[in-house]
Amino acid sequence: MLALWLDHDKILLCGGVSYDFDHISSEAFLFDSRSDAPAGTKKLGNNLMGTRFEKLPFMHVRRYSHMGVVMTIESLKYVFVFGGRTEGDQIIQACEKYSVTERKWKKIAPMAVARSTGFSLVFKSRIYVFGGYSGKSKRSKKIECYWPEKDYWETLDVLSLVTLDQIAQGYRNGFVVLH
């Protein structure tokens, strides 16, 4: 299951796989940590601290081991999810976005490289997806850059020059260099 922080009180949860791998989910939920969550919020769970889960519309694709980011575009908040695995342990290219305002999922352009268990980040109004598995025991050396305003992916081949360890070290030190 992917968990993405929306704001100081809310986390969006989506996708996932059952413990025995017999069910892959396309479900999405909003976790609201406030004890005074909005009236009408359908409670699927409620613990002693008053936390609540709201069921959201289903994603278009069942997936797990997917990547995702939260991005604000023209004052509107979106959740983007990329790739992952689906039935038959198939690694997928499929991508979609969720409009927090409209409360709808929409398919977006697929990545050029099917991948799961990778990394994603927002940098200068673009979304970057890199690393991960692109086949059985095969790691992707491609970075893809998504242009939300054009619904377009650009493929960059820079991981042949930079290792994932170097990127992770740079991230731990508070910087990541992308060309």
Foldseek 3Di string as FASTA:
>chain_A
DDWADDDPFKIKDAWDADPVRPDTFQWIKIKGQDLCPPPPADAPDQDPSNIGIHTADGAPAGFDLWEWYWDADPNWIKIKIAWHAHPPRHQFQWIWMATPVVRDIDTFDGEPARFGNWYWDDDPQKIKTAWGDRDDVHIDQWIWIARVVVSDIDIDRCSVPPPPVNQVVQVVVPDGDDD
